[in-house]
Amino acid sequence: MKVRQALLAGPLGFGAAPLGNMFRDIAEDEALATVDAAWAAGTRYFDTAPFYGAGLSEIRLGKALSGRPRGEYVLSTKVGRLILDELEDPAARDQGEKGDIFKYGRANKIALDYSADGAKRSIEDSLKRLGVDHIDFVWIHDVAQDFHGDRWLSMFEAARVGAFPALTRLREEGVIKGWGLGVNRVEAVEVMLDLAEADPDGTLLAGRYTLLDHERALQRLMPAAQKRGVDIVVGGPYSSGVLAGGKHFEYGAVPPQIAAKLEKLKALCARHQVPIKAAALQFCLAHPATAAVIPGASKPERIVEDHAALAAKIPDDFWRELREDGLVSTAAPLPIDP
């Protein structure tokens, strides 16, 4: 099933990575209140992963949703990493380019496993942590360069012969609605879309189709996904937070060229009295390949901002100037385009 066919309440979802104590030690009450705020605002799509805080995000999300009817929301999680009972130092983990983003998460050891058995075990473990009887969509997590460097193609191959067919069978059996990749790079998705034997329903692409970074995705990935009918779920629409007033871009420091572009975007938004979060979300959703957008949040007030941003009326002149000033690619679809 395609993601857009499964959505119950529009394209705005909730990215639960922050619930895994991403960047900071988040109080339990604050995390649960954020999910409650999302539900109250009308959010009915929630995305998480075992990797987020070594299971902490799934545990918290499951707890927050435990009183909600399971049939009233869509849930996705990921496979590719198993959370073990053995403990380790979270700050000492090698997370590739992502550094120690979950150093405040649980201390359970994280083991890579892209095999068929690993995918099935991961789903079983996620069901227990979430406290639910089924998961709708499953994304194969981080088979890309940012975590595996030069080994990424071997990791992708392990998933191709393992997790890919296993998830296809689970979909055929009605255990899940669909599957795809969950990555922060475009190359793995491009390779998957070129495989005749692969039959994904969607893909979670984080940080690669945003106001600040979309050129590469527009070259092949977005057109190919649209042609094959593979729905794109845009994660990280605020580019790790810098488009929402945060200090991170790509989970790290903001490069000078990005900072300069951001200042131009802020100036344009100020001239047209457009909230930059509104421009960010509506830009992502303007591409016909995009089925949903899932900003992350760990504070209830951010949820209110996100829903207001999606509903905000943006003047046509803003989008025209955005393109004319070279702040977006000329190939990027905008809300004003026919």
Protein backbone atom coordinates (compact mmCIF):
# COMPACT_ATOMS: atom_id res chain seq x y z
CA MET A 1 0.00 0.00 0.00
CA LYS A 2 1.22 3.50 -0.79
CA VAL A 3 1.78 5.85 2.12
CA ARG A 4 -0.65 8.45 0.81
CA GLN A 5 -3.38 5.79 0.66
CA ALA A 6 -2.82 4.86 4.30
CA LEU A 7 -2.74 8.34 5.83
CA LEU A 8 -5.76 9.07 8.00
CA ALA A 9 -5.47 12.80 8.68
CA GLY A 10 -3.40 14.61 6.10
CA PRO A 11 0.30 14.68 5.27
CA LEU A 12 1.73 16.11 8.51
CA GLY A 13 3.19 13.43 10.74
CA PHE A 14 5.38 13.23 13.83
CA GLY A 15 9.05 12.27 13.73
CA ALA A 16 9.84 10.63 17.05
CA ALA A 17 13.66 10.70 16.93
CA PRO A 18 13.81 13.45 19.59
CA LEU A 19 11.92 11.18 22.00
CA GLY A 20 15.07 9.04 22.08
CA ASN A 21 16.89 11.89 23.85
CA MET A 22 18.46 13.24 20.68
CA PHE A 23 20.99 15.94 21.62
CA ARG A 24 19.64 16.32 25.18
CA ASP A 25 18.24 14.44 28.15
CA ILE A 26 14.49 14.97 27.76
CA ALA A 27 12.24 14.55 30.77
CA GLU A 28 9.74 11.70 30.47
CA ASP A 29 6.78 14.00 31.16
CA GLU A 30 7.91 16.41 28.44
CA ALA A 31 8.30 13.63 25.89
CA LEU A 32 4.85 12.18 26.61
CA ALA A 33 3.24 15.63 26.64
CA THR A 34 4.67 16.28 23.17
CA VAL A 35 2.99 13.18 21.76
CA ASP A 36 -0.25 14.15 23.52
CA ALA A 37 -0.02 17.60 21.90
CA ALA A 38 0.47 16.00 18.49
CA TRP A 39 -2.60 13.85 18.96
CA ALA A 40 -4.67 16.80 20.16
CA ALA A 41 -3.59 18.80 17.10
CA GLY A 42 -4.81 16.05 14.79
CA THR A 43 -1.58 14.18 14.01
CA ARG A 44 -2.28 10.57 13.10
CA TYR A 45 1.01 9.41 11.59
CA PHE A 46 3.93 8.63 13.90
CA ASP A 47 7.41 7.44 12.87
CA THR A 48 10.06 5.99 15.16
CA ALA A 49 13.02 3.54 15.12
CA PRO A 50 14.91 1.18 17.42
CA PHE A 51 18.04 3.30 16.84
CA TYR A 52 16.51 6.37 18.46
CA GLY A 53 17.91 6.19 21.98
CA ALA A 54 18.41 2.39 21.74
CA GLY A 55 14.68 1.74 21.94
CA LEU A 56 13.78 4.73 24.13
CA SER A 57 11.79 6.50 21.40
CA GLU A 58 9.69 3.41 20.72
CA ILE A 59 9.06 2.85 24.43
CA ARG A 60 7.97 6.45 25.00
CA LEU A 61 5.86 6.63 21.85
CA GLY A 62 4.12 3.38 22.73
CA LYS A 63 3.42 4.61 26.24
CA ALA A 64 2.00 7.90 24.98
CA LEU A 65 -0.23 6.18 22.41
CA SER A 66 -1.29 3.31 24.68
CA GLY A 67 -4.72 4.79 25.34
CA ARG A 68 -5.45 5.54 21.68
CA PRO A 69 -7.33 3.10 19.43
CA ARG A 70 -4.73 1.39 17.24
CA GLY A 71 -6.89 1.72 14.16
CA GLU A 72 -6.95 5.50 14.43
CA TYR A 73 -3.30 6.17 13.61
CA VAL A 74 -0.55 5.08 11.22
CA LEU A 75 2.72 3.83 12.68
CA SER A 76 6.10 3.25 11.07
CA THR A 77 9.39 2.06 12.49
CA LYS A 78 12.64 0.69 11.10
CA VAL A 79 14.80 -2.41 10.79
CA GLY A 80 18.53 -2.87 10.38
CA ARG A 81 19.58 -2.55 14.01
CA LEU A 82 18.81 -4.86 16.91
CA ILE A 83 18.69 -3.58 20.50
CA LEU A 84 20.37 -6.09 22.81
CA ASP A 85 20.17 -6.67 26.55
CA GLU A 86 23.94 -6.23 26.81
CA LEU A 87 24.96 -2.72 27.90
CA GLU A 88 27.55 -0.32 26.50
CA ASP A 89 28.59 3.31 26.83
CA PRO A 90 26.23 5.30 24.51
CA ALA A 91 28.82 8.09 24.14
CA ALA A 92 31.39 5.61 22.82
CA ARG A 93 29.32 4.30 19.91
CA ASP A 94 30.52 4.82 16.36
CA GLN A 95 27.58 6.46 14.58
CA GLY A 96 29.44 7.58 11.48
CA GLU A 97 28.79 11.19 10.58
CA LYS A 98 26.08 11.49 13.25
CA GLY A 99 28.54 11.55 16.14
CA ASP A 100 26.98 11.16 19.57
CA ILE A 101 23.45 12.40 18.83
CA PHE A 102 21.93 9.75 21.11
CA LYS A 103 24.51 9.77 23.89
CA TYR A 104 21.65 10.45 26.34
CA GLY A 105 19.71 7.40 25.18
CA ARG A 106 19.55 3.96 26.79
CA ALA A 107 22.80 2.03 27.27
CA ASN A 108 21.62 -1.13 25.48
CA LYS A 109 24.05 -2.34 22.85
CA ILE A 110 23.04 -1.75 19.24
CA ALA A 111 23.89 -4.42 16.62
CA LEU A 112 23.61 -4.02 12.86
CA ASP A 113 21.56 -6.70 11.08
CA TYR A 114 20.07 -6.25 7.60
CA SER A 115 19.27 -9.95 7.12
CA ALA A 116 15.79 -11.43 6.69
CA ASP A 117 15.85 -12.94 10.17
CA GLY A 118 17.19 -9.70 11.60
CA ALA A 119 14.36 -7.73 10.02
CA LYS A 120 11.73 -10.09 11.43
CA ARG A 121 13.32 -10.10 14.87
CA SER A 122 13.56 -6.30 14.82
CA ILE A 123 9.85 -6.01 14.06
CA GLU A 124 8.99 -8.44 16.85
CA ASP A 125 11.12 -6.43 19.31
CA SER A 126 9.57 -3.15 18.16
CA LEU A 127 6.06 -4.51 18.67
CA LYS A 128 6.97 -5.30 22.28
CA ARG A 129 8.56 -1.92 22.96
CA LEU A 130 5.67 -0.07 21.34
CA GLY A 131 3.04 -2.26 22.96
CA VAL A 132 1.03 -2.66 19.75
CA ASP A 133 -0.12 -5.61 17.67
CA HIS A 134 0.99 -4.33 14.28
CA ILE A 135 3.17 -1.82 12.47
CA ASP A 136 2.00 -0.23 9.23
CA PHE A 137 5.21 0.71 7.40
CA VAL A 138 8.75 -0.54 7.91
CA TRP A 139 11.80 1.38 6.68
CA ILE A 140 15.23 -0.28 6.28
CA HIS A 141 17.40 2.09 8.27
CA ASP A 142 20.62 3.83 7.23
CA VAL A 143 22.00 1.66 4.44
CA ALA A 144 24.01 4.67 3.30
CA GLN A 145 27.38 6.41 3.42
CA ASP A 146 26.73 8.59 6.45
CA PHE A 147 26.77 5.56 8.75
CA HIS A 148 28.81 2.99 6.83
CA GLY A 149 31.28 5.00 4.73
CA ASP A 150 32.87 2.93 1.97
CA ARG A 151 31.08 -0.20 3.28
CA TRP A 152 27.64 1.14 2.47
CA LEU A 153 27.20 -0.86 -0.74
CA SER A 154 27.93 -4.13 1.09
CA MET A 155 25.36 -3.13 3.71
CA PHE A 156 22.87 -2.33 0.95
CA GLU A 157 23.54 -5.74 -0.64
CA ALA A 158 22.89 -7.47 2.68
CA ALA A 159 19.55 -5.68 2.85
CA ARG A 160 18.76 -6.42 -0.80
CA VAL A 161 19.06 -10.17 -0.32
CA GLY A 162 17.76 -10.17 3.25
CA ALA A 163 15.41 -7.45 4.46
CA PHE A 164 14.00 -6.57 1.01
CA PRO A 165 12.38 -9.96 0.25
CA ALA A 166 11.47 -10.55 3.91
CA LEU A 167 9.50 -7.31 4.09
CA THR A 168 7.88 -7.99 0.72
CA ARG A 169 6.64 -11.34 2.08
CA LEU A 170 5.33 -9.69 5.25
CA ARG A 171 3.42 -7.22 3.11
CA GLU A 172 1.97 -10.01 0.98
CA GLU A 173 0.91 -11.81 4.15
CA GLY A 174 -0.81 -8.66 5.42
CA VAL A 175 1.51 -8.28 8.43
CA ILE A 176 2.60 -4.80 7.28
CA LYS A 177 1.13 -2.36 4.77
CA GLY A 178 4.40 -1.48 3.06
CA TRP A 179 8.16 -1.00 3.22
CA GLY A 180 11.07 1.00 1.84
CA LEU A 181 14.29 2.63 2.96
CA GLY A 182 14.84 5.10 5.77
CA VAL A 183 17.99 7.05 4.91
CA ASN A 184 19.72 10.43 5.00
CA ARG A 185 21.36 10.09 1.58
CA VAL A 186 19.94 9.86 -1.94
CA GLU A 187 22.27 7.26 -3.45
CA ALA A 188 20.80 4.22 -1.70
CA VAL A 189 17.29 5.19 -2.80
CA GLU A 190 18.48 5.72 -6.37
CA VAL A 191 20.04 2.23 -6.42
CA MET A 192 16.86 0.69 -5.00
CA LEU A 193 14.67 2.43 -7.58
CA ASP A 194 16.88 1.01 -10.34
CA LEU A 195 16.33 -2.58 -9.16
CA ALA A 196 13.64 -4.36 -11.13
CA GLU A 197 13.15 -6.96 -8.38
CA ALA A 198 12.66 -4.39 -5.62
CA ASP A 199 9.06 -3.44 -5.01
CA PRO A 200 9.00 -0.75 -2.28
CA ASP A 201 5.91 1.26 -1.39
CA GLY A 202 7.71 4.34 -0.12
CA THR A 203 10.89 5.69 1.38
CA LEU A 204 11.68 7.93 4.30
CA LEU A 205 14.22 10.47 3.07
CA ALA A 206 15.58 12.68 5.86
CA GLY A 207 17.19 16.05 5.22
CA ARG A 208 17.59 15.68 1.48
CA TYR A 209 14.48 17.48 0.31
CA THR A 210 14.42 20.73 2.25
CA LEU A 211 14.60 24.42 1.47
CA LEU A 212 18.32 24.31 2.23
CA ASP A 213 19.22 21.04 0.50
CA HIS A 214 17.25 19.61 -2.42
CA GLU A 215 19.36 19.92 -5.59
CA ARG A 216 20.70 16.35 -5.53
CA ALA A 217 17.33 14.77 -4.79
CA LEU A 218 15.77 16.61 -7.72
CA GLN A 219 18.27 15.21 -10.22
CA ARG A 220 17.12 11.58 -10.15
CA LEU A 221 15.50 10.47 -6.94
CA MET A 222 12.32 12.53 -6.84
CA PRO A 223 11.48 12.08 -10.57
CA ALA A 224 12.23 8.35 -10.39
CA ALA A 225 10.12 7.90 -7.27
CA GLN A 226 7.24 9.76 -8.88
CA LYS A 227 7.51 7.65 -12.04
CA ARG A 228 7.53 4.37 -10.10
CA GLY A 229 4.81 5.45 -7.70
CA VAL A 230 7.09 5.17 -4.66
CA ASP A 231 5.90 7.65 -2.04
CA ILE A 232 8.47 9.86 -0.36
CA VAL A 233 8.11 10.68 3.33
CA VAL A 234 10.24 13.75 3.99
CA GLY A 235 12.02 13.58 7.32
CA GLY A 236 14.04 16.42 8.80
CA PRO A 237 12.21 19.18 6.89
CA TYR A 238 13.91 21.78 9.08
CA SER A 239 17.40 20.48 8.19
CA SER A 240 18.14 19.14 11.69
CA GLY A 241 16.56 22.22 13.25
CA VAL A 242 18.36 25.17 11.70
CA LEU A 243 15.21 26.16 9.77
CA ALA A 244 13.28 26.20 13.04
CA GLY A 245 15.65 28.33 15.07
CA GLY A 246 17.97 25.51 16.07
CA LYS A 247 21.76 25.31 15.96
CA HIS A 248 22.24 22.10 13.97
CA PHE A 249 22.48 21.38 10.25
CA GLU A 250 22.98 17.72 9.31
CA TYR A 251 23.21 16.97 13.03
CA GLY A 252 26.30 19.18 13.37
CA ALA A 253 27.55 22.75 13.09
CA VAL A 254 26.03 25.01 10.42
CA PRO A 255 28.45 25.52 7.46
CA PRO A 256 29.08 29.14 6.37
CA GLN A 257 27.38 28.69 2.98
CA ILE A 258 24.26 27.30 4.62
CA ALA A 259 24.25 30.11 7.18
CA ALA A 260 24.44 32.67 4.36
CA LYS A 261 21.54 31.06 2.48
CA LEU A 262 19.53 30.88 5.68
CA GLU A 263 19.92 34.61 6.27
CA LYS A 264 18.58 35.32 2.77
CA LEU A 265 15.63 33.02 3.40
CA LYS A 266 14.89 34.74 6.70
CA ALA A 267 15.00 38.16 5.03
CA LEU A 268 12.59 37.04 2.30
CA CYS A 269 10.25 35.55 4.90
CA ALA A 270 10.35 38.76 6.91
CA ARG A 271 9.46 40.89 3.88
CA HIS A 272 6.39 38.76 3.18
CA GLN A 273 5.56 38.06 6.83
CA VAL A 274 5.86 34.32 6.24
CA PRO A 275 6.94 32.00 9.08
CA ILE A 276 10.02 30.16 7.87
CA LYS A 277 8.61 26.87 9.19
CA ALA A 278 5.57 27.40 6.95
CA ALA A 279 7.79 27.89 3.91
CA ALA A 280 9.84 24.82 4.84
CA LEU A 281 6.89 22.44 5.23
CA GLN A 282 4.92 23.68 2.25
CA PHE A 283 8.00 23.51 0.02
CA CYS A 284 8.51 19.83 0.88
CA LEU A 285 4.89 18.96 0.16
CA ALA A 286 4.78 20.81 -3.16
CA HIS A 287 6.62 18.00 -4.91
CA PRO A 288 4.14 15.41 -6.23
CA ALA A 289 6.39 12.56 -5.07
CA THR A 290 6.03 13.68 -1.45
CA ALA A 291 3.27 11.91 0.47
CA ALA A 292 4.03 13.13 4.00
CA VAL A 293 6.38 15.27 6.03
CA ILE A 294 7.39 14.35 9.57
CA PRO A 295 9.16 17.08 11.55
CA GLY A 296 10.58 15.95 14.86
CA ALA A 297 9.67 17.59 18.15
CA SER A 298 10.29 17.19 21.85
CA LYS A 299 8.28 20.15 23.14
CA PRO A 300 4.46 20.47 22.94
CA GLU A 301 4.62 24.06 21.67
CA ARG A 302 6.57 22.94 18.60
CA ILE A 303 3.65 20.77 17.55
CA VAL A 304 1.31 23.76 17.57
CA GLU A 305 3.82 25.67 15.43
CA ASP A 306 4.03 22.84 12.91
CA HIS A 307 0.28 22.60 12.38
CA ALA A 308 0.01 26.38 12.12
CA ALA A 309 2.85 26.36 9.59
CA LEU A 310 1.11 23.82 7.39
CA ALA A 311 -2.12 25.84 7.45
CA ALA A 312 -0.47 29.25 6.89
CA LYS A 313 -1.42 31.19 3.78
CA ILE A 314 1.74 32.11 1.87
CA PRO A 315 1.55 34.85 -0.78
CA ASP A 316 2.27 33.78 -4.34
CA ASP A 317 4.85 36.57 -4.60
CA PHE A 318 6.92 34.90 -1.88
CA TRP A 319 7.28 31.74 -3.94
CA ARG A 320 8.04 33.72 -7.10
CA GLU A 321 10.80 35.69 -5.37
CA LEU A 322 12.17 32.54 -3.78
CA ARG A 323 12.73 31.11 -7.25
CA GLU A 324 13.80 34.37 -8.89
CA ASP A 325 16.39 35.00 -6.17
CA GLY A 326 17.92 31.59 -6.74
CA LEU A 327 17.08 30.37 -3.25
CA VAL A 328 15.57 27.17 -4.66
CA SER A 329 16.33 25.15 -7.75
CA THR A 330 14.43 26.16 -10.86
CA ALA A 331 13.43 22.50 -11.13
CA ALA A 332 11.80 22.44 -7.69
CA PRO A 333 7.97 22.39 -7.82
CA LEU A 334 6.39 25.18 -5.78
CA PRO A 335 2.83 25.59 -4.45
CA ILE A 336 2.11 28.20 -7.12
CA ASP A 337 2.95 25.85 -9.98
CA PRO A 338 0.05 24.39 -11.96
